[in-house]
Amino acid sequence: MKRAKVTAKDLINESILILKKHKIKEAKLNAELIMSHCMNGDRIDLYENYNKYLTKIEQNLFRSLIRRRIKKEPVQYIIGKTEFMGLKFKVNKNVLIPRPDTETLVEFAIKYSLENKINSKYRILDYGTGSGNIIISIAKYSPNLQYYAIDLSREALILAKENAKSNRVDKDIFFVQSNGFSSFNSRFKFDMIVSNPPYIPTSVIRKLPEEIKSFEPLISLDGGEDGLKVIKDIVSNAYRHLKKNGVCLIEIGYEQSESVEKMIKEVAKYKDIKFLKDLAGIKRVVFFKKK
């Protein structure tokens, strides 16, 4: 007996019901992203191919990827990519998945660098670059400056370099494997330091959704007992690596603004402290300047 032909739409509708049954949020979006990946296209192309008959290989691949999503693996890892600031980035288990919240930091960094750069020697450092989404976005939208990115993870840097190449800024960014600022002589100064460090308290990690705590790298999430360990490292040392009036932008967690402001003031090397709010009205980024 001949098996009935199956369209992309058939499998998407079938998988939406399965995903909803397993309490996967945004089931339709997830199913469409996975189907687009199986058909080697983007989601926008999918609507033209909704009624396309799928090969047996495409059907089997789609179902296997849906099974991974049911087990709570993030869809971005399943399809190996995501979008940030209108750009495409490869992602894998070695890097944190870029979040829309971080666009608050990036948008300000772009605006500030465009308005304050004196010449092409304006230097920007991304501390803990991960997938490279922050520094690559800045290099793309605030071009012709000097860009540096550090990370402790060799695997993360390999991916960040791939992302820089696919976004055509690979010749503009220096990627360095480094434990914090250790690879830079204090005589080598930056105009801007940006960072999205781990800032979730250790005790909160286990309460996070399965998608996050079981799949994303803990080193990129766990900020120690109070969530401020890496932020303290940056604040305590950034002034040694900033030019006079150089600025620092750090993404912070919910209800951390008071502790972070106190920390910055205690170092007594900074001025003009202010906080940037995200779209939800949460103080998401701290900005401060070297005296």
Protein backbone atom coordinates (compact mmCIF):
# COMPACT_ATOMS: atom_id res chain seq x y z
CA MET A 1 0.00 0.00 0.00
CA LYS A 2 1.31 3.42 -0.97
CA ARG A 3 2.03 5.79 1.91
CA ALA A 4 0.18 9.14 1.74
CA LYS A 5 2.31 12.12 0.85
CA VAL A 6 3.07 14.50 3.72
CA THR A 7 3.40 18.27 3.37
CA ALA A 8 5.36 20.69 5.53
CA LYS A 9 2.04 22.05 6.80
CA ASP A 10 0.87 18.54 7.82
CA LEU A 11 3.96 17.91 9.93
CA ILE A 12 3.97 21.40 11.44
CA ASN A 13 0.34 21.07 12.56
CA GLU A 14 1.02 17.59 13.94
CA SER A 15 4.08 18.80 15.89
CA ILE A 16 2.30 21.87 17.30
CA LEU A 17 -0.13 19.56 19.11
CA ILE A 18 2.74 17.41 20.41
CA LEU A 19 4.76 20.41 21.60
CA LYS A 20 1.73 21.94 23.34
CA LYS A 21 1.06 18.60 25.04
CA HIS A 22 4.60 18.75 26.47
CA LYS A 23 4.06 22.38 27.57
CA ILE A 24 6.55 23.87 25.12
CA LYS A 25 5.89 27.60 24.79
CA GLU A 26 5.53 29.17 21.34
CA ALA A 27 4.85 25.76 19.80
CA LYS A 28 4.04 27.14 16.33
CA LEU A 29 7.20 29.26 16.21
CA ASN A 30 9.33 26.31 17.35
CA ALA A 31 7.80 23.97 14.78
CA GLU A 32 8.27 26.48 11.97
CA LEU A 33 11.88 27.22 12.88
CA ILE A 34 12.69 23.50 12.94
CA MET A 35 10.89 22.89 9.65
CA SER A 36 12.73 25.80 8.01
CA HIS A 37 16.01 24.27 9.16
CA CYS A 38 15.05 20.86 7.74
CA MET A 39 14.24 22.50 4.41
CA ASN A 40 17.51 24.48 4.41
CA GLY A 41 15.78 27.84 4.41
CA ASP A 42 14.63 30.68 6.64
CA ARG A 43 11.26 30.94 8.33
CA ILE A 44 10.20 33.64 5.88
CA ASP A 45 10.70 31.16 3.01
CA LEU A 46 8.57 28.55 4.73
CA TYR A 47 5.25 30.20 3.90
CA GLU A 48 5.93 29.69 0.20
CA ASN A 49 6.64 26.01 0.87
CA TYR A 50 3.84 25.15 3.30
CA ASN A 51 2.26 22.75 0.82
CA LYS A 52 5.52 21.26 -0.40
CA TYR A 53 5.73 17.47 -0.13
CA LEU A 54 8.56 16.35 2.11
CA THR A 55 11.04 13.61 1.34
CA LYS A 56 11.34 10.73 3.77
CA ILE A 57 14.70 12.12 4.91
CA GLU A 58 13.15 15.53 5.66
CA GLN A 59 10.28 13.92 7.58
CA ASN A 60 12.60 11.79 9.70
CA LEU A 61 14.94 14.70 10.41
CA PHE A 62 12.04 16.94 11.43
CA ARG A 63 10.57 14.35 13.80
CA SER A 64 13.97 13.67 15.39
CA LEU A 65 14.49 17.39 16.04
CA ILE A 66 11.00 17.76 17.50
CA ARG A 67 11.85 14.92 19.90
CA ARG A 68 14.89 16.92 21.03
CA ARG A 69 12.69 19.98 21.62
CA ILE A 70 10.27 17.87 23.67
CA LYS A 71 13.23 17.06 25.93
CA LYS A 72 13.55 20.84 26.50
CA GLU A 73 16.64 21.42 24.38
CA PRO A 74 16.49 25.06 23.20
CA VAL A 75 15.36 25.44 19.61
CA GLN A 76 18.37 27.70 18.93
CA TYR A 77 20.76 24.84 19.74
CA ILE A 78 18.68 22.39 17.72
CA ILE A 79 18.86 24.47 14.55
CA GLY A 80 22.29 25.88 15.45
CA LYS A 81 21.49 29.55 14.97
CA THR A 82 19.62 32.59 16.25
CA GLU A 83 19.11 36.27 15.46
CA PHE A 84 20.35 39.28 17.42
CA MET A 85 20.27 42.94 16.41
CA GLY A 86 18.99 41.88 12.99
CA LEU A 87 22.07 39.72 12.42
CA LYS A 88 22.42 35.94 12.24
CA PHE A 89 24.60 34.06 14.71
CA LYS A 90 25.61 30.43 15.01
CA VAL A 91 25.12 29.04 18.52
CA ASN A 92 25.97 25.78 20.25
CA LYS A 93 26.21 24.37 23.78
CA ASN A 94 29.52 26.21 24.35
CA VAL A 95 27.89 29.64 24.35
CA LEU A 96 24.95 31.38 25.93
CA ILE A 97 22.04 32.01 23.57
CA PRO A 98 21.86 35.78 22.86
CA ARG A 99 18.80 37.43 24.45
CA PRO A 100 16.81 40.47 23.30
CA ASP A 101 17.53 42.05 26.73
CA THR A 102 21.18 42.45 25.74
CA GLU A 103 20.20 44.67 22.83
CA THR A 104 19.73 47.45 25.44
CA LEU A 105 23.48 47.40 26.09
CA VAL A 106 24.44 47.05 22.43
CA GLU A 107 22.18 49.82 21.16
CA PHE A 108 23.59 52.24 23.73
CA ALA A 109 27.18 51.19 22.99
CA ILE A 110 26.65 51.79 19.28
CA LYS A 111 25.05 55.21 19.84
CA TYR A 112 27.70 56.27 22.35
CA SER A 113 30.65 55.17 20.21
CA LEU A 114 29.24 56.90 17.11
CA GLU A 115 28.78 60.13 19.05
CA ASN A 116 32.05 60.07 21.03
CA LYS A 117 34.69 58.50 18.80
CA ILE A 118 37.51 60.93 18.04
CA ASN A 119 39.12 58.82 15.33
CA SER A 120 39.57 55.23 14.15
CA LYS A 121 41.79 54.50 17.17
CA TYR A 122 38.70 54.33 19.41
CA ARG A 123 39.06 50.95 21.15
CA ILE A 124 36.23 48.75 22.37
CA LEU A 125 36.66 45.57 24.44
CA ASP A 126 34.01 42.87 24.88
CA TYR A 127 34.71 41.06 28.16
CA GLY A 128 33.41 37.46 27.93
CA THR A 129 32.35 37.51 24.30
CA GLY A 130 30.64 34.09 24.04
CA SER A 131 29.09 33.85 20.57
CA GLY A 132 30.49 37.30 19.78
CA ASN A 133 27.02 38.80 19.41
CA ILE A 134 27.85 42.02 21.30
CA ILE A 135 31.15 43.00 19.68
CA ILE A 136 30.08 41.82 16.21
CA SER A 137 26.90 43.93 16.39
CA ILE A 138 28.89 46.96 17.52
CA ALA A 139 31.46 46.45 14.75
CA LYS A 140 28.68 46.09 12.19
CA TYR A 141 26.72 49.21 13.19
CA SER A 142 29.56 51.41 14.47
CA PRO A 143 32.28 50.56 11.95
CA ASN A 144 35.92 51.55 11.42
CA LEU A 145 37.00 51.42 15.06
CA GLN A 146 39.28 48.97 16.93
CA TYR A 147 37.47 45.98 18.41
CA TYR A 148 38.73 43.38 20.88
CA ALA A 149 36.96 40.38 22.38
CA ILE A 150 38.10 38.08 25.18
CA ASP A 151 36.80 34.80 26.53
CA LEU A 152 38.20 32.03 28.69
CA SER A 153 36.61 29.36 26.49
CA ARG A 154 38.54 28.30 23.38
CA GLU A 155 35.37 26.71 21.97
CA ALA A 156 33.42 29.95 22.39
CA LEU A 157 36.14 31.90 20.58
CA ILE A 158 36.12 29.46 17.66
CA LEU A 159 32.38 30.05 17.25
CA ALA A 160 32.70 33.82 17.73
CA LYS A 161 35.29 33.94 14.94
CA GLU A 162 32.92 32.01 12.65
CA ASN A 163 30.16 34.50 13.45
CA ALA A 164 32.47 37.43 12.77
CA LYS A 165 33.32 35.93 9.39
CA SER A 166 29.70 35.27 8.40
CA ASN A 167 28.85 38.86 9.36
CA ARG A 168 31.89 40.16 7.44
CA VAL A 169 33.68 41.80 10.36
CA ASP A 170 36.29 39.08 10.98
CA LYS A 171 39.14 41.31 9.79
CA ASP A 172 38.10 44.05 12.24
CA ILE A 173 37.96 42.15 15.55
CA PHE A 174 40.88 40.77 17.59
CA PHE A 175 39.78 37.67 19.50
CA VAL A 176 41.91 36.71 22.50
CA GLN A 177 41.66 33.72 24.84
CA SER A 178 42.08 35.31 28.25
CA ASN A 179 41.17 34.91 31.90
CA GLY A 180 39.72 38.35 32.50
CA PHE A 181 42.06 41.26 31.77
CA SER A 182 45.20 39.12 32.25
CA SER A 183 46.22 39.24 28.58
CA PHE A 184 46.34 43.04 28.46
CA ASN A 185 49.09 45.28 29.73
CA SER A 186 47.61 48.15 31.75
CA ARG A 187 49.36 50.59 29.39
CA PHE A 188 47.06 49.34 26.60
CA LYS A 189 43.91 51.36 27.24
CA PHE A 190 40.35 51.10 25.94
CA ASP A 191 37.75 53.79 25.30
CA MET A 192 34.90 51.41 26.07
CA ILE A 193 34.51 48.08 27.86
CA VAL A 194 31.27 46.14 27.41
CA SER A 195 30.19 42.91 29.06
CA ASN A 196 27.27 40.57 29.58
CA PRO A 197 28.79 38.57 32.46
CA PRO A 198 27.22 35.70 34.41
CA TYR A 199 25.07 37.38 37.07
CA ILE A 200 22.62 34.76 38.34
CA PRO A 201 23.14 33.73 42.00
CA THR A 202 24.17 30.08 42.37
CA SER A 203 21.11 29.28 44.47
CA VAL A 204 18.79 30.54 41.72
CA ILE A 205 20.32 28.39 38.95
CA ARG A 206 18.41 25.26 40.00
CA LYS A 207 15.12 27.19 39.80
CA LEU A 208 15.66 28.20 36.18
CA PRO A 209 13.67 26.59 33.36
CA GLU A 210 14.96 23.23 32.15
CA GLU A 211 15.91 24.75 28.79
CA ILE A 212 18.42 27.01 30.53
CA LYS A 213 19.82 25.05 33.47
CA SER A 214 20.24 21.74 31.62
CA PHE A 215 21.58 22.99 28.30
CA GLU A 216 23.23 26.41 28.46
CA PRO A 217 26.81 26.65 29.83
CA LEU A 218 26.74 27.18 33.59
CA ILE A 219 29.95 29.20 33.42
CA SER A 220 28.00 31.80 31.43
CA LEU A 221 25.13 31.90 33.94
CA ASP A 222 26.48 31.36 37.46
CA GLY A 223 27.60 34.61 39.05
CA GLY A 224 28.51 33.06 42.40
CA GLU A 225 26.74 33.31 45.74
CA ASP A 226 25.35 36.82 45.20
CA GLY A 227 25.51 36.80 41.40
CA LEU A 228 28.08 39.59 41.45
CA LYS A 229 31.40 37.71 41.37
CA VAL A 230 32.36 38.50 37.77
CA ILE A 231 30.84 41.98 37.90
CA LYS A 232 33.09 42.70 40.92
CA ASP A 233 36.12 41.50 38.95
CA ILE A 234 35.29 43.85 36.10
CA VAL A 235 34.52 46.87 38.30
CA SER A 236 37.64 46.31 40.42
CA ASN A 237 39.96 46.21 37.41
CA ALA A 238 38.35 48.10 34.53
CA TYR A 239 39.82 51.48 35.52
CA ARG A 240 43.34 50.10 34.95
CA HIS A 241 42.42 49.36 31.34
CA LEU A 242 40.30 52.41 30.50
CA LYS A 243 41.50 55.73 29.14
CA LYS A 244 40.54 58.83 31.11
CA ASN A 245 36.78 59.31 30.62
CA GLY A 246 36.62 55.81 29.12
CA VAL A 247 33.29 54.10 29.76
CA CYS A 248 32.10 50.72 30.92
CA LEU A 249 28.74 49.08 30.17
CA ILE A 250 27.76 45.92 32.06
CA GLU A 251 24.52 43.97 31.85
CA ILE A 252 23.16 43.18 35.32
CA GLY A 253 20.39 41.10 36.83
CA TYR A 254 17.02 41.94 38.33
CA GLU A 255 17.30 43.93 41.60
CA GLN A 256 21.11 44.14 41.45
CA SER A 257 21.34 47.85 40.67
CA GLU A 258 21.75 49.06 44.28
CA SER A 259 24.50 46.56 45.07
CA VAL A 260 26.29 47.32 41.81
CA GLU A 261 26.10 51.08 42.34
CA LYS A 262 27.54 50.71 45.84
CA MET A 263 30.34 48.51 44.50
CA ILE A 264 31.27 51.05 41.81
CA LYS A 265 31.33 53.93 44.29
CA GLU A 266 33.55 51.96 46.70
CA VAL A 267 36.24 51.57 44.04
CA ALA A 268 36.35 55.40 43.92
CA LYS A 269 37.76 55.50 40.39
CA TYR A 270 34.56 56.17 38.50
CA LYS A 271 31.95 58.86 37.88
CA ASP A 272 28.66 59.46 36.03
CA ILE A 273 27.02 56.20 37.12
CA LYS A 274 23.65 55.57 35.51
CA PHE A 275 21.36 52.67 34.68
CA LEU A 276 19.67 51.82 31.39
CA LYS A 277 16.27 50.16 31.47
CA ASP A 278 15.15 47.39 29.14
CA LEU A 279 11.76 47.25 27.42
CA ALA A 280 10.20 45.81 30.58
CA GLY A 281 11.38 48.82 32.60
CA ILE A 282 14.01 46.81 34.49
CA LYS A 283 17.43 48.36 35.18
CA ARG A 284 19.34 46.07 32.83
CA VAL A 285 22.66 47.84 32.18
CA VAL A 286 24.99 49.92 34.34
CA PHE A 287 27.03 52.68 32.70
CA PHE A 288 29.96 54.40 34.37
CA LYS A 289 32.98 56.46 33.38
CA LYS A 290 36.59 56.47 34.54
CA LYS A 291 37.53 59.69 36.35
